[in-house]
Amino acid sequence: MKKIILLVLTVFMTAALYAQNAKSTGLTDKDVQNFAKHFNSISADMEKAFGDGAENQGYISKKADYLKAEKILAKYGFTGTDAVEKYAMLGRCVGVLTVEKSGAMEMYKAMGMAGMDPMAAQRPYINQKDYEVVERNWAAVAKAIAYEGAQ
């Protein structure tokens, strides 16, 4: 769970820097499968490089740290100049899917808050095509992040 929180915090805090108009990062099934396959290792390397939780929220804003993140991601199959952006998009999609799959939407409806979207602030930063790639591979991602509602 700590790793999920770390991923979500890191990615959400950098959203404004890299996804102003939610352009596609070109996420592929292979990118998502690499993420799922290496989730624990990526998380451990990112935590080692940038700290845990709140301390690492702005790591992408510094060029040297951006390059360090790029190097970590390349080790796990994220290559090219858009590796960090792909990772950030993937993280945002995982965050939204986790909430959607958790039943939070139904909880909001049951509480009389129909139409309220707990992830509304994140949706402008998510590209639909990239989201669909992550959703298509949700079973592998859910297993990797140890999401209890994995399907």
Foldseek 3Di string as FASTA:
>chain_A
DQLLQQLLLQLVLCLVVQQQQQDDLPDALVLLLLCLVCVVVLSVQLCVLQNGDPRRNCQCVDPVSVVVNQVSQVVSPQDDPCSVVLSSQLSLLVVQVLCVLVCVQVVCVVVVNHPDRPCVVSVSRHDPVSSVSCVVVQLSNCVSVVPVSRD
